[in-house]
Amino acid sequence: MFNRLVPILAALGIVGAFALTLTFLAVKSMEPTETYAIETPSVRDIELKTVAAGSVVPRNEVELKSRVSGIVDAVAVEPGDDVQAGDLIAEIRIVPDVVSLNNASSAVASARIERNEAEVALERAKQLHGQGAISDTEFDRSTTSMALAQERYDAAMSNLELVREGVSRRTGNVSTHVRSTVNGMVLLADIEAGQSVIESNTFNEGTTIAVVADMTDMIFEGRVDESEVGKLTEGMDLQIRIGAIDDTTFEGSLEYIAPKGLLEEGAVQFEIRAALKVPEDTFVRAGSSANADIVLERAESVLTVRESALDVEGNEVFVHVETGPQQFERTPIQVGLSDGIYIQVLDGIDASTALRGARNP
């Protein structure tokens, strides 16, 4: 019985293997054949760019400081106002320093005593000179002493007025008035009536009363990475896009490249500045964020291919040239400048060469 089953099982195994083979071949033949799109090189301009992030600011911003310490009595401007040099910005009411006021009062008292003594001496000299008891020289000396004493008294009174009120009737100087020193627009006036301010002196920069800038002369300030700063030169053209102004690109000219870099987040950055060309009918707000495109290298009307069509091995670059329908030959080429999407072809193929592109889905 067993001897009869062995041939039967063997025959069934052979038939099953044959059926599986046929099934595998049938499924294999049903799988789609891979096909690729065909593309040809194109002639275009290639630009290698870098982007510098930064902001747009006035070239010159002037901070106006108070020359006296005291309390703000009135503010004459608001941010956005146009002012001319000499226009009133704010008025300061002086709170006299006790020590300074005491010293100034003491100086006035001393000068008054000296003046009174000189006045008495001059009256005496007039009488004696009229009697011929003293010479003209001695009389002139008494006259000069009186004039000097009067001058010291006037100076002491003027100093007392300045300490007490900030105004000198003698000279007409009003140190309590803060005035603009330049023409421009008020960008900042962050003070209010009643606020205390500190004078600007050798040891203290003082309270900023207002910031005035010429908004017709704007510059772009940004930073570039150390790997690209060596490719920059002064005078290069920039294309600047301002975040607050959509769909508008402004032209700029590189004016300054910092000689020293700053370490930021593990990378060395170099500051750059560029003059911004703003049309007369466009208003750019100070401090607006902006990005500048800087063309580092440019190749015009050159043969290019998509970088996705390249096959790179080490320092060698290849493309797949079509030799027949969906048949390709691996061909070496020489490449040049790249913009990240297209790359310049220096040698190896021409504009009529058909290349393997992306795989068809």
Protein backbone atom coordinates (compact mmCIF):
# COMPACT_ATOMS: atom_id res chain seq x y z
CA MET A 1 0.00 0.00 0.00
CA PHE A 2 2.81 2.37 0.98
CA ASN A 3 4.70 1.58 -2.20
CA ARG A 4 1.68 2.73 -4.23
CA LEU A 5 1.35 6.10 -2.38
CA VAL A 6 4.94 7.22 -2.96
CA PRO A 7 4.67 7.56 -6.74
CA ILE A 8 1.33 9.29 -6.40
CA LEU A 9 2.67 11.88 -3.88
CA ALA A 10 5.74 12.48 -6.01
CA ALA A 11 3.59 13.11 -9.05
CA LEU A 12 1.39 15.53 -7.10
CA GLY A 13 4.48 17.43 -5.87
CA ILE A 14 5.81 17.80 -9.38
CA VAL A 15 2.45 19.04 -10.66
CA GLY A 16 2.17 21.53 -7.75
CA ALA A 17 5.64 22.94 -8.32
CA PHE A 18 4.90 23.33 -12.01
CA ALA A 19 1.66 25.17 -11.19
CA LEU A 20 3.43 27.53 -8.77
CA THR A 21 6.06 28.30 -11.37
CA LEU A 22 3.43 29.15 -13.95
CA THR A 23 1.60 31.34 -11.44
CA PHE A 24 4.80 33.24 -10.53
CA LEU A 25 5.64 33.87 -14.17
CA ALA A 26 2.13 35.05 -14.88
CA VAL A 27 2.19 37.51 -11.96
CA LYS A 28 5.64 38.70 -12.95
CA SER A 29 4.53 39.38 -16.47
CA MET A 30 1.63 41.46 -15.15
CA GLU A 31 3.90 43.87 -13.17
CA PRO A 32 4.27 47.25 -14.97
CA THR A 33 7.63 48.06 -16.53
CA GLU A 34 9.38 51.13 -15.03
CA THR A 35 9.32 54.13 -17.36
CA TYR A 36 10.96 57.53 -17.06
CA ALA A 37 10.10 60.98 -18.32
CA ILE A 38 12.40 62.36 -20.99
CA GLU A 39 13.80 65.84 -20.71
CA THR A 40 16.34 67.92 -22.59
CA PRO A 41 18.83 70.56 -21.40
CA SER A 42 17.64 74.17 -21.49
CA VAL A 43 19.38 77.54 -21.83
CA ARG A 44 18.80 79.91 -18.91
CA ASP A 45 20.46 82.31 -16.49
CA ILE A 46 21.91 80.82 -13.32
CA GLU A 47 22.27 82.90 -10.16
CA LEU A 48 23.86 81.85 -6.89
CA LYS A 49 22.21 83.90 -4.14
CA THR A 50 22.41 84.32 -0.42
CA VAL A 51 19.73 85.81 1.79
CA ALA A 52 20.54 88.26 4.59
CA ALA A 53 17.90 88.83 7.25
CA GLY A 54 17.70 92.21 8.93
CA SER A 55 15.66 95.38 9.16
CA VAL A 56 15.23 98.77 7.52
CA VAL A 57 16.23 101.78 9.66
CA PRO A 58 17.01 105.47 9.10
CA ARG A 59 20.64 106.20 8.38
CA ASN A 60 20.80 108.76 11.19
CA GLU A 61 18.70 108.75 14.35
CA VAL A 62 19.24 111.60 16.81
CA GLU A 63 18.34 111.22 20.47
CA LEU A 64 17.34 114.52 22.06
CA LYS A 65 18.33 114.85 25.73
CA SER A 66 17.48 117.34 28.44
CA ARG A 67 20.23 119.72 29.55
CA VAL A 68 18.71 120.07 33.01
CA SER A 69 17.18 117.74 35.56
CA GLY A 70 13.59 118.35 36.50
CA ILE A 71 9.99 117.51 35.68
CA VAL A 72 8.37 117.57 32.23
CA ASP A 73 5.94 120.47 32.06
CA ALA A 74 4.68 119.93 28.50
CA VAL A 75 5.38 117.82 25.41
CA ALA A 76 4.92 119.62 22.12
CA VAL A 77 5.19 116.71 19.65
CA GLU A 78 3.93 113.19 19.04
CA PRO A 79 5.54 110.28 17.12
CA GLY A 80 5.01 110.83 13.42
CA ASP A 81 5.24 114.63 13.54
CA ASP A 82 7.63 116.34 11.13
CA VAL A 83 9.93 118.85 12.82
CA GLN A 84 12.59 121.32 11.78
CA ALA A 85 15.83 122.11 13.56
CA GLY A 86 15.01 124.48 16.42
CA ASP A 87 11.39 123.37 16.89
CA LEU A 88 10.26 122.97 20.49
CA ILE A 89 10.00 119.35 21.65
CA ALA A 90 9.33 119.64 25.38
CA GLU A 91 9.51 122.04 28.33
CA ILE A 92 11.22 121.07 31.60
CA ARG A 93 10.47 122.58 35.00
CA ILE A 94 13.59 122.67 37.14
CA VAL A 95 13.58 121.28 40.65
CA PRO A 96 16.60 123.12 42.13
CA ASP A 97 19.32 121.15 43.84
CA VAL A 98 19.58 122.40 47.43
CA VAL A 99 23.38 122.48 47.50
CA SER A 100 23.68 124.21 44.12
CA LEU A 101 21.00 126.73 45.06
CA ASN A 102 22.76 127.51 48.35
CA ASN A 103 26.13 127.97 46.64
CA ALA A 104 24.61 130.22 43.99
CA SER A 105 22.85 132.36 46.61
CA SER A 106 26.06 132.65 48.61
CA ALA A 107 27.95 133.73 45.50
CA VAL A 108 25.36 136.46 44.85
CA ALA A 109 25.66 137.73 48.43
CA SER A 110 29.47 137.85 48.21
CA ALA A 111 29.38 139.61 44.85
CA ARG A 112 26.88 142.18 46.23
CA ILE A 113 29.20 143.01 49.14
CA GLU A 114 32.17 143.43 46.79
CA ARG A 115 30.11 145.63 44.50
CA ASN A 116 28.93 147.83 47.37
CA GLU A 117 32.49 148.24 48.62
CA ALA A 118 33.69 149.09 45.11
CA GLU A 119 30.86 151.59 44.75
CA VAL A 120 31.81 153.34 48.01
CA ALA A 121 35.48 153.38 46.99
CA LEU A 122 34.56 154.88 43.61
CA GLU A 123 32.51 157.69 45.21
CA ARG A 124 35.43 158.49 47.49
CA ALA A 125 37.83 158.49 44.54
CA LYS A 126 35.57 160.89 42.63
CA GLN A 127 35.67 163.38 45.48
CA LEU A 128 39.44 163.14 45.91
CA HIS A 129 40.02 163.33 42.17
CA GLY A 130 37.87 166.45 42.01
CA GLN A 131 40.02 167.99 44.72
CA GLY A 132 43.18 166.95 42.91
CA ALA A 133 44.19 164.67 45.78
CA ILE A 134 44.67 161.60 43.61
CA SER A 135 46.00 161.07 40.13
CA ASP A 136 44.03 160.08 37.07
CA THR A 137 45.61 156.63 37.21
CA GLU A 138 44.30 155.95 40.71
CA PHE A 139 40.86 157.21 39.73
CA ASP A 140 40.82 154.93 36.66
CA ARG A 141 41.83 152.03 38.90
CA SER A 142 38.81 152.63 41.14
CA THR A 143 36.53 152.86 38.09
CA THR A 144 37.84 149.52 36.79
CA SER A 145 37.39 147.87 40.19
CA MET A 146 33.76 149.02 40.26
CA ALA A 147 33.15 147.67 36.74
CA LEU A 148 34.67 144.29 37.63
CA ALA A 149 32.65 144.05 40.84
CA GLN A 150 29.46 144.82 38.92
CA GLU A 151 30.33 142.15 36.34
CA ARG A 152 30.90 139.54 39.07
CA TYR A 153 27.59 140.46 40.64
CA ASP A 154 25.72 140.16 37.31
CA ALA A 155 27.36 136.78 36.62
CA ALA A 156 26.41 135.50 40.08
CA MET A 157 22.80 136.63 39.60
CA SER A 158 22.66 134.97 36.18
CA ASN A 159 23.98 131.71 37.65
CA LEU A 160 21.40 131.88 40.45
CA GLU A 161 18.59 132.35 37.90
CA LEU A 162 19.82 129.36 35.90
CA VAL A 163 19.98 127.13 38.96
CA ARG A 164 16.61 128.24 40.25
CA GLU A 165 14.61 128.68 37.04
CA GLY A 166 16.73 127.47 34.13
CA VAL A 167 16.43 130.91 32.51
CA SER A 168 19.02 133.66 32.42
CA ARG A 169 17.56 137.14 31.90
CA ARG A 170 21.06 138.39 31.18
CA THR A 171 21.79 136.10 28.23
CA GLY A 172 18.26 135.01 27.31
CA ASN A 173 19.28 131.33 27.33
CA VAL A 174 16.42 128.97 28.14
CA SER A 175 17.90 125.61 29.12
CA THR A 176 14.49 124.27 30.12
CA HIS A 177 13.38 124.11 26.48
CA VAL A 178 14.33 120.92 24.59
CA ARG A 179 14.50 121.66 20.87
CA SER A 180 15.17 119.52 17.83
CA THR A 181 18.72 119.70 16.49
CA VAL A 182 17.90 118.25 13.05
CA ASN A 183 15.14 118.16 10.45
CA GLY A 184 13.14 114.94 10.31
CA MET A 185 10.30 112.92 11.79
CA VAL A 186 9.71 112.22 15.46
CA LEU A 187 10.06 108.44 15.86
CA LEU A 188 9.84 108.32 19.64
CA ALA A 189 8.52 110.70 22.28
CA ASP A 190 8.13 108.35 25.19
CA ILE A 191 7.64 110.96 27.90
CA GLU A 192 4.61 112.52 29.54
CA ALA A 193 3.94 115.67 31.50
CA GLY A 194 4.89 115.15 35.12
CA GLN A 195 7.66 112.66 34.39
CA SER A 196 11.06 113.26 35.97
CA VAL A 197 14.07 113.59 33.67
CA ILE A 198 17.82 113.57 34.27
CA GLU A 199 20.21 115.93 32.53
CA SER A 200 22.85 114.75 30.10
CA ASN A 201 26.36 115.21 31.47
CA THR A 202 29.82 113.63 31.55
CA PHE A 203 28.75 110.83 33.87
CA ASN A 204 25.18 110.23 32.68
CA GLU A 205 23.72 110.04 29.18
CA GLY A 206 20.48 111.53 30.51
CA THR A 207 16.83 110.87 29.78
CA THR A 208 15.87 110.60 26.12
CA ILE A 209 13.14 113.13 25.42
CA ALA A 210 12.59 112.20 21.76
CA VAL A 211 14.20 110.48 18.78
CA VAL A 212 14.23 112.32 15.45
CA ALA A 213 15.35 110.84 12.11
CA ASP A 214 15.37 111.67 8.42
CA MET A 215 12.94 109.13 6.95
CA THR A 216 13.96 109.94 3.38
CA ASP A 217 17.38 108.33 3.85
CA MET A 218 16.89 104.67 4.80
CA ILE A 219 19.35 101.77 4.96
CA PHE A 220 19.13 98.00 5.29
CA GLU A 221 21.01 96.42 8.19
CA GLY A 222 21.49 92.65 8.18
CA ARG A 223 23.91 89.80 8.81
CA VAL A 224 25.49 87.17 6.57
CA ASP A 225 27.26 83.92 7.41
CA GLU A 226 31.04 83.73 7.43
CA SER A 227 30.95 81.12 4.63
CA GLU A 228 29.54 83.76 2.24
CA VAL A 229 30.99 87.05 3.46
CA GLY A 230 34.17 86.49 1.44
CA LYS A 231 32.11 86.64 -1.77
CA LEU A 232 30.70 90.08 -0.97
CA THR A 233 32.13 93.36 -2.20
CA GLU A 234 31.00 96.90 -1.59
CA GLY A 235 28.80 98.23 -4.39
CA MET A 236 27.01 94.92 -5.05
CA ASP A 237 23.30 95.20 -5.87
CA LEU A 238 20.69 93.85 -3.46
CA GLN A 239 17.03 93.02 -3.89
CA ILE A 240 15.28 93.87 -0.63
CA ARG A 241 11.84 92.65 0.41
CA ILE A 242 10.20 94.40 3.36
CA GLY A 243 7.82 92.33 5.45
CA ALA A 244 5.32 95.16 5.94
CA ILE A 245 5.08 95.89 2.19
CA ASP A 246 3.80 92.96 0.14
CA ASP A 247 4.62 92.29 -3.52
CA THR A 248 7.25 95.03 -3.69
CA THR A 249 10.99 94.64 -4.13
CA PHE A 250 13.34 97.54 -3.40
CA GLU A 251 16.78 98.02 -4.86
CA GLY A 252 19.79 98.50 -2.64
CA SER A 253 23.54 98.98 -2.90
CA LEU A 254 25.95 97.36 -0.45
CA GLU A 255 27.87 100.05 1.44
CA TYR A 256 29.50 98.35 4.41
CA ILE A 257 30.80 94.91 5.44
CA ALA A 258 31.88 94.52 9.06
CA PRO A 259 35.57 93.67 9.51
CA LYS A 260 34.75 91.59 12.60
CA GLY A 261 32.14 88.87 13.00
CA LEU A 262 29.91 88.09 15.96
CA LEU A 263 29.20 84.59 17.28
CA GLU A 264 25.44 83.94 17.23
CA GLU A 265 23.95 80.54 18.00
CA GLY A 266 27.18 78.77 17.16
CA ALA A 267 27.76 80.55 13.83
CA VAL A 268 29.84 83.63 13.05
CA GLN A 269 27.78 86.41 11.47
CA PHE A 270 29.03 89.61 9.82
CA GLU A 271 27.00 92.81 9.79
CA ILE A 272 26.29 94.48 6.44
CA ARG A 273 24.62 97.76 5.52
CA ALA A 274 23.12 98.80 2.21
CA ALA A 275 21.58 102.04 0.94
CA LEU A 276 17.89 101.56 0.20
CA LYS A 277 16.24 103.21 -2.80
CA VAL A 278 12.69 104.12 -1.76
CA PRO A 279 10.25 105.67 -4.27
CA GLU A 280 8.89 109.07 -3.28
CA ASP A 281 5.32 107.75 -3.05
CA THR A 282 6.28 104.91 -0.66
CA PHE A 283 6.62 105.28 3.09
CA VAL A 284 8.82 102.73 4.86
CA ARG A 285 8.47 102.51 8.63
CA ALA A 286 11.63 102.44 10.69
CA GLY A 287 12.51 99.05 12.13
CA SER A 288 10.53 97.01 9.57
CA SER A 289 11.91 93.49 9.13
CA ALA A 290 13.40 92.78 5.72
CA ASN A 291 15.31 90.18 3.71
CA ALA A 292 17.95 91.00 1.12
CA ASP A 293 18.81 88.75 -1.83
CA ILE A 294 22.46 89.12 -2.79
CA VAL A 295 23.66 87.65 -6.08
CA LEU A 296 27.06 86.11 -5.36
CA GLU A 297 27.69 84.63 -8.85
CA ARG A 298 25.83 84.80 -12.14
CA ALA A 299 26.04 82.93 -15.45
CA GLU A 300 23.89 84.19 -18.33
CA SER A 301 22.41 82.12 -21.17
CA VAL A 302 24.15 78.87 -20.29
CA LEU A 303 23.16 75.24 -20.89
CA THR A 304 21.51 73.75 -17.79
CA VAL A 305 19.83 70.59 -16.56
CA ARG A 306 17.81 69.84 -13.46
CA GLU A 307 19.89 68.70 -10.55
CA SER A 308 17.40 65.85 -10.06
CA ALA A 309 18.64 64.35 -13.34
CA LEU A 310 22.21 64.00 -12.05
CA ASP A 311 23.89 60.88 -10.72
CA VAL A 312 26.83 61.82 -8.50
CA GLU A 313 29.62 59.49 -7.42
CA GLY A 314 32.43 61.14 -5.50
CA ASN A 315 33.77 63.96 -7.66
CA GLU A 316 32.20 62.61 -10.85
CA VAL A 317 28.82 63.63 -12.23
CA PHE A 318 26.76 61.53 -14.66
CA VAL A 319 23.48 61.77 -16.57
CA HIS A 320 21.50 59.01 -18.26
CA VAL A 321 21.35 59.66 -22.01
CA GLU A 322 18.52 57.99 -23.97
CA THR A 323 19.83 55.56 -26.60
CA GLY A 324 16.46 53.97 -27.46
CA PRO A 325 12.89 53.86 -26.20
CA GLN A 326 13.31 53.76 -22.40
CA GLN A 327 16.91 52.67 -22.84
CA PHE A 328 19.65 54.82 -21.29
CA GLU A 329 23.40 55.05 -21.17
CA ARG A 330 25.27 56.53 -18.21
CA THR A 331 27.35 59.47 -19.50
CA PRO A 332 29.81 61.67 -17.55
CA ILE A 333 29.46 65.47 -17.77
CA GLN A 334 31.18 68.55 -16.38
CA VAL A 335 29.08 70.99 -14.40
CA GLY A 336 29.46 74.54 -13.14
CA LEU A 337 27.28 77.02 -11.24
CA SER A 338 24.12 75.82 -9.51
CA ASP A 339 21.13 77.64 -8.03
CA GLY A 340 19.84 74.58 -6.19
CA ILE A 341 17.36 73.57 -8.90
CA TYR A 342 19.25 73.91 -12.16
CA ILE A 343 22.97 73.41 -12.73
CA GLN A 344 25.22 74.69 -15.51
CA VAL A 345 26.57 72.07 -17.96
CA LEU A 346 30.10 72.81 -19.17
CA ASP A 347 30.77 69.70 -21.28
CA GLY A 348 29.46 66.22 -22.08
CA ILE A 349 26.05 66.87 -23.66
CA ASP A 350 24.36 69.46 -25.86
CA ALA A 351 20.92 71.07 -26.07
CA SER A 352 19.52 68.25 -28.23
CA THR A 353 20.49 65.40 -25.87
CA ALA A 354 17.54 63.46 -24.46
CA LEU A 355 18.00 62.62 -20.79
CA ARG A 356 16.28 60.38 -18.30
CA GLY A 357 14.17 62.44 -15.99
CA ALA A 358 11.88 61.60 -13.12
CA ARG A 359 10.30 58.13 -12.87
CA ASN A 360 6.72 57.99 -14.12
CA PRO A 361 4.19 57.06 -11.47
